[in-house]
Amino acid sequence: MPFPPVDEQLAVIRRGTEQIVPETELIEKLEKSRATDTPLRVKYGIDPTGIDLHLGHTVPMRKMRQFQSLGHQAVIIIGNYTALVGDPSGRDETRARLTAEQVEANAVDYLGQLGKVIDLDKAEVIRNGEWFASMTFQETLELTSKVTVAQLLTRDDFSKRYKAESPIYLHECLYPIMQAWDSVKISADIELGGTEQLYSFMLARDLQKDSGQPGQVGVMSPILVGLDGHRRMGKSLDNYIAIADPPFEMIKKFMQLPDECMRMYFELLTDLPMSDVEALLSGHAKECKQRLAAAVITEYHSPEDASGAIDRWEREIGSGGQPEDIPVAVISSTDLQGGEISAAQLLKLANLCNSTSEARRAISQGGAYFGADKERFESHDTLVPVTDGLLLWVGKKRFCRVSIQND
């Protein structure tokens, strides 16, 4: 199949891209590729330091899939040796080091999840241990002699740590050199990643030229913000959506997104035309978020899963209906007096509130309910008849069914 015209390819590549360095060379590479009917070699490196991929990880992966759809060759570098060092990009402290066994176990899980985003059957998957494991000390010295300490200290993360007098260990300095050397070993034309990878991308160009190869072009995506709308998506911040999350968990998280994140999410996580996105953004926020969630859930699960998750969200949360999965709170019969207990004490015993004072606030603000019809508690000292199966709510997200334990 012939390659699409260069302007059509550029339109696809530029979507959701923050920087292309240098863009003029990308155009030249695309023109030569089309003229010679030769696919470009597009590199994306993954260090298997964890196994739970979230939507932030998928941004460069989706860009790789776009390059595949344009007819180019995906080259996935599994950094089983760079992972032993740990990527210092964007960090103000040294990463914990993993064992080779941990890295390999993670790599298997990574590839299983990666296959949900790109076509692995048409990709080259290479572990960089293929070249680093066999390097002699003399060869290592030769490689490191190509980079100065002053160059390394221009990296933003190293520069900040140096000024703050925080430790920078020698093995960390090897990481960007190793990442750049990967590009030489596979003759990369393009490398994909986030904007924090600019230093390594440019170092790769220098090493390629020193090896007699054309320099690669860096295609860098913005950092996807998490559910808080400000900080980057990440597990440590608990503001992420994992691609392995069940559909209902996904829709609940999407519906929590701040409105100002919507354009970024549509642009980076879906293929919906931006003209359609603009129309959605000008409409109702709830419908907009559901459309976004449907697109993403369909990609990682199925259209039926997406539809079912949205229907369930409408029933249980959107319209204030009764949840399907209701946790059980066990309350001792000895805590009841004549089968009754005050509303505030009941919410505390059911672990819906951390204290009776918190329960009082929830009740006074009209955010606490009981019974199948979600009747509001009148006051914190209202005596509530407690029976097996009594439903309790605090807000929309905290709820339980009471079970009485006879002591």
Protein backbone atom coordinates (compact mmCIF):
# COMPACT_ATOMS: atom_id res chain seq x y z
CA MET A 1 0.00 0.00 0.00
CA PRO A 2 1.53 3.37 -0.98
CA PHE A 3 2.31 5.91 1.72
CA PRO A 4 -0.23 8.75 2.08
CA PRO A 5 0.81 12.21 0.86
CA VAL A 6 3.23 13.94 3.21
CA ASP A 7 0.78 16.68 4.21
CA GLU A 8 -1.76 14.03 5.23
CA GLN A 9 0.86 12.20 7.29
CA LEU A 10 1.91 15.46 8.96
CA ALA A 11 -1.68 16.22 9.94
CA VAL A 12 -1.87 12.87 11.77
CA ILE A 13 1.58 13.20 13.37
CA ARG A 14 1.05 16.77 14.57
CA ARG A 15 -2.16 15.98 16.42
CA GLY A 16 -1.44 15.84 20.15
CA THR A 17 2.25 16.63 19.60
CA GLU A 18 3.97 19.35 21.61
CA GLN A 19 7.34 19.40 19.85
CA ILE A 20 8.88 17.94 16.70
CA VAL A 21 12.63 18.46 16.73
CA PRO A 22 13.58 19.30 14.05
CA GLU A 23 10.35 19.39 12.06
CA THR A 24 12.07 20.28 8.78
CA GLU A 25 13.99 17.00 8.95
CA LEU A 26 10.78 15.08 9.65
CA ILE A 27 9.32 16.46 6.43
CA GLU A 28 12.47 15.49 4.55
CA LYS A 29 12.37 11.97 5.97
CA LEU A 30 8.68 11.56 5.08
CA GLU A 31 9.31 12.79 1.53
CA LYS A 32 12.26 10.42 1.05
CA SER A 33 10.31 7.55 2.58
CA ARG A 34 7.45 8.09 0.14
CA ALA A 35 9.76 8.55 -2.85
CA THR A 36 11.70 5.34 -2.11
CA ASP A 37 8.74 3.35 -0.74
CA THR A 38 10.76 2.73 2.44
CA PRO A 39 9.10 2.85 5.87
CA LEU A 40 10.67 5.01 8.56
CA ARG A 41 11.94 3.25 11.67
CA VAL A 42 10.00 4.69 14.62
CA LYS A 43 11.41 3.96 18.06
CA TYR A 44 9.65 3.89 21.40
CA GLY A 45 11.48 2.71 24.49
CA ILE A 46 9.85 1.23 27.58
CA ASP A 47 11.59 0.46 30.85
CA PRO A 48 9.58 -2.31 32.54
CA THR A 49 9.83 -0.86 36.04
CA GLY A 50 6.14 -1.50 36.80
CA ILE A 51 3.29 -3.49 35.29
CA ASP A 52 0.16 -1.32 35.50
CA LEU A 53 -0.06 0.90 32.41
CA HIS A 54 -2.31 3.95 32.68
CA LEU A 55 -3.68 6.33 30.06
CA GLY A 56 -0.71 8.66 30.45
CA HIS A 57 1.56 5.84 29.25
CA THR A 58 -0.62 5.28 26.18
CA VAL A 59 -0.10 8.76 24.70
CA PRO A 60 3.19 7.96 22.90
CA MET A 61 1.98 4.43 22.24
CA ARG A 62 -1.06 5.77 20.39
CA LYS A 63 1.29 7.97 18.37
CA MET A 64 3.22 4.82 17.47
CA ARG A 65 -0.01 3.20 16.33
CA GLN A 66 -0.65 6.22 14.11
CA PHE A 67 2.78 5.80 12.53
CA GLN A 68 1.94 2.13 11.95
CA SER A 69 -1.31 3.11 10.23
CA LEU A 70 0.71 5.40 7.94
CA GLY A 71 2.87 2.44 6.89
CA HIS A 72 5.98 2.95 9.01
CA GLN A 73 7.92 0.41 11.07
CA ALA A 74 7.38 0.34 14.83
CA VAL A 75 10.47 -0.58 16.85
CA ILE A 76 9.77 -1.20 20.54
CA ILE A 77 12.82 -1.17 22.79
CA ILE A 78 12.27 -3.11 25.99
CA GLY A 79 14.82 -1.48 28.27
CA ASN A 80 15.76 -4.53 30.31
CA TYR A 81 19.22 -2.98 30.84
CA THR A 82 18.24 0.69 31.15
CA ALA A 83 15.63 -0.42 33.71
CA LEU A 84 18.46 -1.75 35.87
CA VAL A 85 19.73 1.84 36.05
CA GLY A 86 16.40 3.66 36.36
CA ASP A 87 15.29 6.68 34.33
CA PRO A 88 16.18 9.89 36.25
CA SER A 89 14.02 12.08 33.96
CA GLY A 90 11.84 14.47 35.92
CA ARG A 91 13.01 13.10 39.27
CA ASP A 92 14.66 14.86 42.17
CA GLU A 93 16.01 11.68 43.75
CA THR A 94 17.57 8.38 42.75
CA ARG A 95 15.21 5.61 41.61
CA ALA A 96 15.17 2.33 43.45
CA ARG A 97 16.97 -0.30 41.39
CA LEU A 98 15.25 -3.51 40.27
CA THR A 99 16.70 -6.97 39.81
CA ALA A 100 17.01 -8.53 36.35
CA GLU A 101 14.32 -11.07 37.31
CA GLN A 102 11.87 -8.32 38.33
CA VAL A 103 12.51 -6.45 35.10
CA GLU A 104 11.91 -9.51 32.91
CA ALA A 105 8.69 -10.44 34.74
CA ASN A 106 7.44 -6.88 34.28
CA ALA A 107 8.41 -6.93 30.59
CA VAL A 108 6.09 -9.85 29.89
CA ASP A 109 3.16 -8.02 31.51
CA TYR A 110 4.06 -4.78 29.72
CA LEU A 111 3.94 -6.45 26.32
CA GLY A 112 0.54 -7.96 27.07
CA GLN A 113 -0.85 -4.51 27.86
CA LEU A 114 1.06 -2.82 25.02
CA GLY A 115 -0.68 -5.15 22.57
CA LYS A 116 -3.96 -3.39 23.41
CA VAL A 117 -2.59 -0.19 21.89
CA ILE A 118 -0.28 -1.07 19.01
CA ASP A 119 -0.04 -3.96 16.54
CA LEU A 120 2.73 -6.06 18.05
CA ASP A 121 2.55 -8.57 15.20
CA LYS A 122 3.91 -5.89 12.85
CA ALA A 123 6.36 -4.37 15.33
CA GLU A 124 9.98 -5.20 16.07
CA VAL A 125 10.36 -5.88 19.79
CA ILE A 126 13.98 -5.75 20.97
CA ARG A 127 15.53 -5.90 24.43
CA ASN A 128 18.48 -3.54 24.75
CA GLY A 129 20.31 -6.19 26.74
CA GLU A 130 21.08 -7.68 23.32
CA TRP A 131 23.89 -5.14 22.96
CA PHE A 132 24.58 -3.89 26.48
CA ALA A 133 25.01 -7.36 28.01
CA SER A 134 27.92 -8.17 25.71
CA MET A 135 29.74 -4.82 25.89
CA THR A 136 33.29 -5.01 27.18
CA PHE A 137 34.67 -2.47 29.61
CA GLN A 138 36.73 -1.00 26.77
CA GLU A 139 33.58 -0.56 24.66
CA THR A 140 31.81 1.07 27.62
CA LEU A 141 34.71 3.51 28.01
CA GLU A 142 34.54 4.29 24.29
CA LEU A 143 30.82 5.07 24.51
CA THR A 144 31.05 7.21 27.64
CA SER A 145 33.96 9.16 26.16
CA LYS A 146 31.56 10.68 23.65
CA VAL A 147 29.66 12.65 26.36
CA THR A 148 31.01 15.25 28.78
CA VAL A 149 29.93 15.78 32.37
CA ALA A 150 29.03 19.37 31.45
CA GLN A 151 26.62 18.04 28.82
CA LEU A 152 24.95 15.75 31.35
CA LEU A 153 24.52 18.60 33.82
CA THR A 154 22.47 20.54 31.26
CA ARG A 155 19.69 18.01 31.85
CA ASP A 156 17.02 19.73 33.91
CA ASP A 157 16.76 16.97 36.53
CA PHE A 158 20.52 16.66 37.03
CA SER A 159 20.92 20.44 37.07
CA LYS A 160 18.31 20.86 39.82
CA ARG A 161 19.81 18.10 41.94
CA TYR A 162 23.33 19.47 41.49
CA LYS A 163 22.25 22.97 42.59
CA ALA A 164 20.34 21.51 45.55
CA GLU A 165 23.43 19.44 46.45
CA SER A 166 21.33 16.27 46.17
CA PRO A 167 23.22 13.09 45.25
CA ILE A 168 23.70 12.24 41.57
CA TYR A 169 25.13 8.74 41.31
CA LEU A 170 27.43 7.78 38.48
CA HIS A 171 25.22 4.93 37.27
CA GLU A 172 22.37 7.44 36.69
CA CYS A 173 24.59 9.39 34.31
CA LEU A 174 24.75 6.29 32.12
CA TYR A 175 20.99 6.25 31.55
CA PRO A 176 20.66 8.99 28.88
CA ILE A 177 23.77 7.64 27.13
CA MET A 178 22.29 4.13 27.04
CA GLN A 179 18.93 5.41 25.79
CA ALA A 180 20.68 7.38 23.05
CA TRP A 181 22.83 4.39 22.07
CA ASP A 182 19.66 2.33 21.54
CA SER A 183 18.82 4.69 18.66
CA VAL A 184 22.20 4.01 17.06
CA LYS A 185 21.83 0.24 17.37
CA ILE A 186 18.44 0.17 15.64
CA SER A 187 19.09 3.06 13.18
CA ALA A 188 16.06 5.02 14.41
CA ASP A 189 14.58 7.67 12.11
CA ILE A 190 12.11 8.94 14.72
CA GLU A 191 11.84 8.57 18.48
CA LEU A 192 8.62 9.00 20.44
CA GLY A 193 8.25 10.12 24.03
CA GLY A 194 7.38 12.95 26.39
CA THR A 195 8.85 16.43 26.43
CA GLU A 196 11.09 15.52 29.39
CA GLN A 197 13.05 13.23 27.03
CA LEU A 198 14.40 16.06 24.83
CA TYR A 199 17.97 15.79 26.14
CA SER A 200 18.21 12.05 25.42
CA PHE A 201 16.63 12.48 21.98
CA MET A 202 19.17 15.13 21.02
CA LEU A 203 22.06 13.11 22.45
CA ALA A 204 20.94 10.23 20.24
CA ARG A 205 21.22 12.52 17.20
CA ASP A 206 24.82 13.33 18.13
CA LEU A 207 25.77 9.67 18.61
CA GLN A 208 24.06 8.68 15.36
CA LYS A 209 25.92 11.32 13.39
CA ASP A 210 29.19 10.25 15.05
CA SER A 211 28.41 6.72 13.84
CA GLY A 212 27.71 7.88 10.28
CA GLN A 213 23.91 7.66 10.52
CA PRO A 214 21.31 10.35 9.80
CA GLY A 215 20.10 11.93 13.05
CA GLN A 216 16.70 10.90 14.37
CA VAL A 217 13.78 13.29 14.81
CA GLY A 218 12.16 13.62 18.22
CA VAL A 219 8.35 13.60 18.25
CA MET A 220 7.34 14.61 21.75
CA SER A 221 3.89 14.50 23.30
CA PRO A 222 2.65 16.66 26.18
CA ILE A 223 2.34 15.12 29.63
CA LEU A 224 -1.23 13.97 30.28
CA VAL A 225 -2.58 15.50 33.47
CA GLY A 226 -4.28 13.24 35.99
CA LEU A 227 -7.75 13.27 37.48
CA ASP A 228 -6.89 16.30 39.61
CA GLY A 229 -6.46 18.35 36.43
CA HIS A 230 -3.03 19.72 37.39
CA ARG A 231 -0.34 17.15 38.13
CA ARG A 232 0.85 14.50 35.69
CA MET A 233 -1.10 11.26 35.74
CA GLY A 234 0.58 8.75 38.02
CA LYS A 235 -0.01 5.89 40.41
CA SER A 236 1.90 7.55 43.24
CA LEU A 237 -0.53 10.48 43.11
CA ASP A 238 -3.56 8.17 42.79
CA ASN A 239 -4.89 10.33 39.95
CA TYR A 240 -4.77 7.80 37.15
CA ILE A 241 -6.97 5.58 34.98
CA ALA A 242 -5.35 2.21 34.29
CA ILE A 243 -6.05 0.57 30.94
CA ALA A 244 -6.80 -2.63 32.88
CA ASP A 245 -9.41 -0.89 35.07
CA PRO A 246 -12.90 -2.44 34.81
CA PRO A 247 -15.26 -0.37 32.60
CA PHE A 248 -17.38 0.87 35.53
CA GLU A 249 -14.27 2.06 37.40
CA MET A 250 -13.18 3.88 34.24
CA ILE A 251 -16.49 5.72 33.77
CA LYS A 252 -16.54 6.78 37.44
CA LYS A 253 -13.08 8.30 37.06
CA PHE A 254 -13.87 10.01 33.75
CA MET A 255 -16.94 11.63 35.26
CA GLN A 256 -14.72 13.18 37.97
CA LEU A 257 -12.49 14.96 35.44
CA PRO A 258 -12.36 18.77 35.64
CA ASP A 259 -14.01 20.29 32.56
CA GLU A 260 -10.82 22.09 31.52
CA CYS A 261 -9.06 18.74 30.90
CA MET A 262 -11.52 17.53 28.31
CA ARG A 263 -9.89 18.94 25.16
CA MET A 264 -6.51 17.45 26.10
CA TYR A 265 -8.02 14.03 26.82
CA PHE A 266 -9.96 13.95 23.54
CA GLU A 267 -6.92 15.04 21.56
CA LEU A 268 -4.44 12.63 23.15
CA LEU A 269 -6.62 9.59 23.88
CA THR A 270 -9.10 9.40 20.98
CA ASP A 271 -9.19 9.61 17.19
CA LEU A 272 -12.36 11.72 17.15
CA PRO A 273 -11.96 14.64 14.69
CA MET A 274 -11.19 17.84 16.55
CA SER A 275 -14.10 19.60 14.81
CA ASP A 276 -16.42 17.06 16.47
CA VAL A 277 -14.58 17.55 19.77
CA GLU A 278 -15.15 21.30 19.65
CA ALA A 279 -18.87 20.70 19.10
CA LEU A 280 -18.98 18.37 22.10
CA LEU A 281 -17.07 20.82 24.29
CA SER A 282 -19.62 23.51 23.57
CA GLY A 283 -22.41 21.26 24.83
CA HIS A 284 -23.26 19.67 28.17
CA ALA A 285 -20.24 18.59 30.24
CA LYS A 286 -21.83 15.30 31.35
CA GLU A 287 -22.53 14.18 27.78
CA CYS A 288 -19.04 15.26 26.75
CA LYS A 289 -17.41 13.15 29.46
CA GLN A 290 -19.57 10.16 28.67
CA ARG A 291 -18.60 10.38 24.99
CA LEU A 292 -14.93 10.51 25.99
CA ALA A 293 -15.31 7.58 28.37
CA ALA A 294 -17.16 5.56 25.72
CA ALA A 295 -14.33 6.05 23.21
CA VAL A 296 -11.63 4.99 25.66
CA ILE A 297 -13.53 2.09 27.24
CA THR A 298 -14.36 0.77 23.76
CA GLU A 299 -10.67 0.81 22.86
CA TYR A 300 -9.56 -1.23 25.88
CA HIS A 301 -12.70 -3.32 26.39
CA SER A 302 -15.65 -3.27 23.94
CA PRO A 303 -18.55 -1.06 22.78
CA GLU A 304 -20.90 -3.19 24.87
CA ASP A 305 -18.78 -2.68 27.96
CA ALA A 306 -18.77 1.07 27.35
CA SER A 307 -22.54 1.22 26.93
CA GLY A 308 -23.12 -0.97 29.98
CA ALA A 309 -20.78 1.11 32.16
CA ILE A 310 -22.49 4.36 31.19
CA ASP A 311 -25.97 2.87 31.81
CA ARG A 312 -24.85 1.65 35.23
CA TRP A 313 -23.33 5.03 36.10
CA GLU A 314 -26.61 6.75 35.19
CA ARG A 315 -28.59 4.31 37.35
CA GLU A 316 -26.38 4.30 40.39
CA ILE A 317 -24.77 7.72 40.43
CA GLY A 318 -26.22 10.05 37.82
CA SER A 319 -29.81 9.59 38.95
CA GLY A 320 -28.99 8.64 42.54
CA GLY A 321 -30.19 5.05 42.19
CA GLN A 322 -29.17 2.03 44.22
CA PRO A 323 -25.66 0.59 43.56
CA GLU A 324 -25.23 -3.02 42.43
CA ASP A 325 -22.22 -3.80 44.62
CA ILE A 326 -22.99 -2.64 48.15
CA PRO A 327 -20.46 -3.26 50.93
CA VAL A 328 -21.75 -4.65 54.22
CA ALA A 329 -21.16 -2.91 57.54
CA VAL A 330 -21.48 -5.18 60.59
CA ILE A 331 -22.93 -3.50 63.70
CA SER A 332 -23.18 -5.24 67.06
CA SER A 333 -26.62 -5.52 68.61
CA THR A 334 -25.06 -4.35 71.89
CA ASP A 335 -24.53 -0.90 70.32
CA LEU A 336 -28.29 -0.52 69.88
CA GLN A 337 -30.77 0.52 72.53
CA GLY A 338 -34.15 -0.97 71.85
CA GLY A 339 -33.04 -1.57 68.27
CA GLU A 340 -32.25 2.12 67.78
CA ILE A 341 -29.18 4.37 67.66
CA SER A 342 -28.51 8.05 66.95
CA ALA A 343 -27.91 8.95 63.31
CA ALA A 344 -24.38 10.31 63.86
CA GLN A 345 -23.29 7.28 65.87
CA LEU A 346 -24.76 4.95 63.24
CA LEU A 347 -22.75 6.55 60.42
CA LYS A 348 -19.57 6.30 62.48
CA LEU A 349 -20.13 2.64 63.41
CA ALA A 350 -20.84 1.88 59.73
CA ASN A 351 -17.44 3.45 58.85
CA LEU A 352 -19.07 5.95 56.52
CA CYS A 353 -17.60 8.74 58.65
CA ASN A 354 -14.38 8.78 60.63
CA SER A 355 -15.94 10.46 63.66
CA THR A 356 -19.30 11.52 65.05
CA SER A 357 -18.35 15.16 64.41
CA GLU A 358 -17.81 14.36 60.72
CA ALA A 359 -21.16 12.54 60.72
CA ARG A 360 -22.85 15.58 62.28
CA ARG A 361 -21.47 17.82 59.53
CA ALA A 362 -22.67 15.45 56.80
CA ILE A 363 -26.14 15.33 58.33
CA SER A 364 -26.36 19.10 58.90
CA GLN A 365 -25.34 19.71 55.28
CA GLY A 366 -28.09 17.38 54.01
CA GLY A 367 -25.65 14.81 52.62
CA ALA A 368 -26.58 11.72 54.65
CA TYR A 369 -29.45 9.33 53.87
CA PHE A 370 -30.97 6.02 54.93
CA GLY A 371 -33.40 3.46 53.53
CA ALA A 372 -34.19 2.33 49.99
CA ASP A 373 -35.82 5.68 49.25
CA LYS A 374 -32.76 7.62 50.47
CA GLU A 375 -34.53 9.55 53.19
CA ARG A 376 -32.47 12.38 54.70
CA PHE A 377 -31.59 12.27 58.36
CA GLU A 378 -33.40 15.14 60.13
CA SER A 379 -30.67 15.73 62.71
CA HIS A 380 -27.57 14.08 64.14
CA ASP A 381 -29.41 12.91 67.28
CA THR A 382 -32.38 11.41 65.43
CA LEU A 383 -32.94 7.86 66.72
CA VAL A 384 -32.85 5.46 63.78
CA PRO A 385 -34.51 2.00 63.93
CA VAL A 386 -31.78 -0.36 62.68
CA THR A 387 -32.71 -3.58 60.92
CA ASP A 388 -30.75 -6.06 58.83
CA GLY A 389 -30.28 -4.73 55.30
CA LEU A 390 -30.73 -1.04 56.17
CA LEU A 391 -29.08 1.10 53.46
CA LEU A 392 -26.95 4.09 54.44
CA TRP A 393 -25.36 6.82 52.29
CA VAL A 394 -23.00 9.71 52.88
CA GLY A 395 -22.82 11.66 49.65
CA LYS A 396 -22.92 9.69 46.37
CA LYS A 397 -19.81 7.58 46.80
CA ARG A 398 -19.98 6.25 50.36
CA PHE A 399 -22.69 3.72 51.07
CA CYS A 400 -23.28 0.39 52.78
CA ARG A 401 -25.86 -2.17 53.88
CA VAL A 402 -26.13 -2.85 57.62
CA SER A 403 -25.83 -6.35 59.03
CA ILE A 404 -26.64 -6.77 62.74
CA GLN A 405 -24.44 -9.13 64.69
CA ASN A 406 -26.18 -10.59 67.71
CA ASP A 407 -23.72 -10.78 70.62
